[in-house]
N, C-alpha and C. Protein backbone atom coordinates (compact mmCIF):
# COMPACT_ATOMS: atom_id res chain seq x y z
N UNK A 1 18.45 -4.57 -8.32
CA UNK A 1 18.02 -5.51 -9.35
C UNK A 1 17.15 -6.57 -8.72
N UNK A 2 16.10 -6.93 -9.40
CA UNK A 2 15.16 -7.92 -8.91
C UNK A 2 14.78 -8.85 -10.05
N UNK A 3 14.93 -10.12 -9.81
CA UNK A 3 14.47 -11.12 -10.78
C UNK A 3 13.19 -11.71 -10.22
N UNK A 4 12.20 -11.83 -11.08
CA UNK A 4 10.89 -12.28 -10.62
C UNK A 4 10.35 -13.34 -11.56
N UNK A 5 9.98 -14.47 -10.99
CA UNK A 5 9.39 -15.55 -11.78
C UNK A 5 7.88 -15.52 -11.59
N UNK A 6 7.15 -15.39 -12.67
CA UNK A 6 5.70 -15.31 -12.61
C UNK A 6 5.06 -16.55 -13.21
N UNK A 7 3.88 -16.91 -12.73
CA UNK A 7 3.15 -18.01 -13.37
C UNK A 7 2.87 -17.64 -14.83
N UNK A 8 2.84 -18.63 -15.71
CA UNK A 8 2.66 -18.36 -17.14
C UNK A 8 1.45 -17.48 -17.48
N UNK A 9 0.33 -17.69 -16.78
CA UNK A 9 -0.87 -16.91 -17.10
C UNK A 9 -0.70 -15.43 -16.74
N UNK A 10 0.02 -15.14 -15.68
CA UNK A 10 0.27 -13.74 -15.31
C UNK A 10 1.29 -13.14 -16.26
N UNK A 11 2.29 -13.90 -16.60
CA UNK A 11 3.30 -13.44 -17.57
C UNK A 11 2.63 -13.10 -18.89
N UNK A 12 1.70 -13.92 -19.33
CA UNK A 12 0.99 -13.67 -20.60
C UNK A 12 0.14 -12.40 -20.52
N UNK A 13 -0.53 -12.21 -19.41
CA UNK A 13 -1.34 -11.00 -19.23
C UNK A 13 -0.46 -9.76 -19.23
N UNK A 14 0.65 -9.83 -18.54
CA UNK A 14 1.57 -8.72 -18.47
C UNK A 14 2.18 -8.43 -19.84
N UNK A 15 2.51 -9.47 -20.56
CA UNK A 15 3.07 -9.32 -21.90
C UNK A 15 2.05 -8.66 -22.85
N UNK A 16 0.80 -9.11 -22.78
CA UNK A 16 -0.26 -8.54 -23.63
C UNK A 16 -0.50 -7.08 -23.30
N UNK A 17 -0.55 -6.75 -22.04
CA UNK A 17 -0.74 -5.36 -21.62
C UNK A 17 0.41 -4.49 -22.12
N UNK A 18 1.59 -5.00 -22.01
CA UNK A 18 2.77 -4.29 -22.46
C UNK A 18 2.71 -4.02 -23.96
N UNK A 19 2.33 -5.02 -24.73
CA UNK A 19 2.23 -4.86 -26.19
C UNK A 19 1.14 -3.87 -26.58
N UNK A 20 -0.01 -3.94 -25.89
CA UNK A 20 -1.13 -3.05 -26.23
C UNK A 20 -0.86 -1.59 -25.88
N UNK A 21 -0.07 -1.37 -24.85
CA UNK A 21 0.13 0.00 -24.38
C UNK A 21 1.47 0.62 -24.77
N UNK A 22 2.39 -0.23 -25.21
CA UNK A 22 3.71 0.28 -25.57
C UNK A 22 4.60 0.56 -24.38
N UNK A 23 4.19 0.14 -23.22
CA UNK A 23 5.02 0.29 -22.01
C UNK A 23 5.69 -1.04 -21.71
N UNK A 24 6.77 -0.97 -20.99
CA UNK A 24 7.51 -2.20 -20.68
C UNK A 24 6.84 -3.01 -19.57
N UNK A 25 7.13 -4.28 -19.56
CA UNK A 25 6.65 -5.13 -18.48
C UNK A 25 7.23 -4.66 -17.15
N UNK A 26 8.46 -4.19 -17.18
CA UNK A 26 9.09 -3.67 -15.97
C UNK A 26 8.32 -2.47 -15.41
N UNK A 27 7.81 -1.63 -16.30
CA UNK A 27 7.03 -0.47 -15.85
C UNK A 27 5.82 -0.94 -15.04
N UNK A 28 5.07 -1.91 -15.58
CA UNK A 28 3.88 -2.38 -14.90
C UNK A 28 4.20 -3.15 -13.63
N UNK A 29 5.25 -3.92 -13.64
CA UNK A 29 5.67 -4.63 -12.42
C UNK A 29 6.05 -3.63 -11.33
N UNK A 30 6.78 -2.61 -11.71
CA UNK A 30 7.19 -1.57 -10.76
C UNK A 30 5.96 -0.86 -10.19
N UNK A 31 5.01 -0.50 -11.06
CA UNK A 31 3.79 0.17 -10.61
C UNK A 31 3.00 -0.70 -9.62
N UNK A 32 2.87 -1.97 -9.95
CA UNK A 32 2.12 -2.89 -9.08
C UNK A 32 2.80 -3.03 -7.72
N UNK A 33 4.12 -3.15 -7.72
CA UNK A 33 4.86 -3.29 -6.47
C UNK A 33 4.73 -2.03 -5.64
N UNK A 34 4.90 -0.87 -6.25
CA UNK A 34 4.80 0.38 -5.50
C UNK A 34 3.42 0.56 -4.88
N UNK A 35 2.38 0.27 -5.64
CA UNK A 35 1.02 0.42 -5.12
C UNK A 35 0.77 -0.55 -3.97
N UNK A 36 1.17 -1.77 -4.13
CA UNK A 36 0.94 -2.77 -3.09
C UNK A 36 1.84 -2.52 -1.88
N UNK A 37 3.03 -2.03 -2.10
CA UNK A 37 3.96 -1.73 -1.02
C UNK A 37 3.37 -0.67 -0.09
N UNK A 38 2.72 0.35 -0.65
CA UNK A 38 2.05 1.36 0.17
C UNK A 38 1.00 0.70 1.07
N UNK A 39 0.22 -0.21 0.51
CA UNK A 39 -0.80 -0.90 1.29
C UNK A 39 -0.18 -1.75 2.40
N UNK A 40 0.87 -2.48 2.07
CA UNK A 40 1.54 -3.32 3.07
C UNK A 40 2.12 -2.49 4.20
N UNK A 41 2.72 -1.36 3.86
CA UNK A 41 3.27 -0.48 4.90
C UNK A 41 2.17 0.05 5.80
N UNK A 42 1.02 0.43 5.22
CA UNK A 42 -0.11 0.91 6.01
C UNK A 42 -0.61 -0.17 6.96
N UNK A 43 -0.73 -1.39 6.47
CA UNK A 43 -1.19 -2.50 7.31
C UNK A 43 -0.20 -2.73 8.45
N UNK A 44 1.08 -2.76 8.15
CA UNK A 44 2.09 -2.97 9.17
C UNK A 44 2.00 -1.90 10.26
N UNK A 45 1.88 -0.64 9.86
CA UNK A 45 1.81 0.44 10.84
C UNK A 45 0.53 0.35 11.67
N UNK A 46 -0.59 -0.01 11.05
CA UNK A 46 -1.84 -0.16 11.78
C UNK A 46 -1.75 -1.29 12.80
N UNK A 47 -1.16 -2.42 12.40
CA UNK A 47 -1.00 -3.55 13.32
C UNK A 47 -0.09 -3.17 14.49
N UNK A 48 0.97 -2.45 14.19
CA UNK A 48 1.90 -2.01 15.24
C UNK A 48 1.19 -1.08 16.22
N UNK A 49 0.42 -0.15 15.69
CA UNK A 49 -0.32 0.79 16.54
C UNK A 49 -1.34 0.07 17.40
N UNK A 50 -2.05 -0.92 16.84
CA UNK A 50 -3.02 -1.69 17.59
C UNK A 50 -2.36 -2.43 18.75
N UNK A 51 -1.22 -3.03 18.50
CA UNK A 51 -0.49 -3.73 19.57
C UNK A 51 -0.06 -2.76 20.66
N UNK A 52 0.39 -1.56 20.29
CA UNK A 52 0.76 -0.55 21.28
C UNK A 52 -0.45 -0.17 22.14
N UNK A 53 -1.61 -0.04 21.50
CA UNK A 53 -2.83 0.28 22.24
C UNK A 53 -3.20 -0.85 23.19
N UNK A 54 -3.10 -2.08 22.73
CA UNK A 54 -3.45 -3.24 23.58
C UNK A 54 -2.52 -3.37 24.77
N UNK A 55 -1.26 -3.00 24.60
CA UNK A 55 -0.30 -3.06 25.70
C UNK A 55 -0.39 -1.83 26.61
N UNK A 56 -1.25 -0.89 26.25
CA UNK A 56 -1.40 0.33 27.04
C UNK A 56 -0.25 1.31 26.87
N UNK A 57 0.47 1.21 25.79
CA UNK A 57 1.62 2.08 25.55
C UNK A 57 1.25 3.38 24.85
N UNK A 58 0.00 3.51 24.40
CA UNK A 58 -0.45 4.74 23.75
C UNK A 58 -1.95 4.89 23.94
N UNK A 59 -2.44 6.07 23.67
CA UNK A 59 -3.85 6.38 23.84
C UNK A 59 -4.49 6.68 22.49
N UNK A 60 -5.81 6.73 22.51
CA UNK A 60 -6.55 7.12 21.32
C UNK A 60 -6.92 8.60 21.42
N UNK A 61 -7.28 9.17 20.29
CA UNK A 61 -7.74 10.55 20.22
C UNK A 61 -9.05 10.53 19.45
N UNK A 62 -10.07 11.18 20.00
CA UNK A 62 -11.37 11.17 19.33
C UNK A 62 -11.32 12.03 18.07
N UNK A 63 -12.23 11.73 17.16
CA UNK A 63 -12.33 12.51 15.93
C UNK A 63 -12.64 13.97 16.26
N UNK A 64 -13.53 14.19 17.21
CA UNK A 64 -13.88 15.56 17.60
C UNK A 64 -12.65 16.32 18.09
N UNK A 65 -11.83 15.66 18.88
CA UNK A 65 -10.62 16.31 19.39
C UNK A 65 -9.65 16.64 18.25
N UNK A 66 -9.51 15.73 17.31
CA UNK A 66 -8.64 15.99 16.16
C UNK A 66 -9.14 17.16 15.33
N UNK A 67 -10.44 17.20 15.11
CA UNK A 67 -11.02 18.28 14.32
C UNK A 67 -10.81 19.61 15.01
N UNK A 68 -10.98 19.65 16.33
CA UNK A 68 -10.75 20.88 17.08
C UNK A 68 -9.28 21.27 17.03
N UNK A 69 -8.41 20.29 17.25
CA UNK A 69 -6.97 20.54 17.27
C UNK A 69 -6.47 21.15 15.96
N UNK A 70 -7.02 20.67 14.84
CA UNK A 70 -6.55 21.13 13.54
C UNK A 70 -7.49 22.13 12.86
N UNK A 71 -8.48 22.61 13.62
CA UNK A 71 -9.35 23.65 13.10
C UNK A 71 -10.23 23.22 11.94
N UNK A 72 -10.65 21.98 11.94
CA UNK A 72 -11.52 21.46 10.88
C UNK A 72 -12.95 21.51 11.36
N UNK A 73 -13.83 22.02 10.52
CA UNK A 73 -15.24 22.09 10.87
C UNK A 73 -16.04 21.06 10.12
N UNK A 74 -17.19 20.70 10.68
CA UNK A 74 -18.10 19.77 10.00
C UNK A 74 -18.63 20.34 8.74
């Protein structure tokens, strides 16, 4: 369960969208969170990988090597 307090202007936009489409406000809030959560997770993983590279804990792989490894052609 999650309780969320929104600024009035966002609440009004969400309410209007809900009325126009017949979907619940919860549906749209859930969709927005899921979409943004994917982005946040990607950013976190990229930052973690960059730090590992800077500390010398991992190496890079060239695009050409990846393409060869997985049999992908230009």
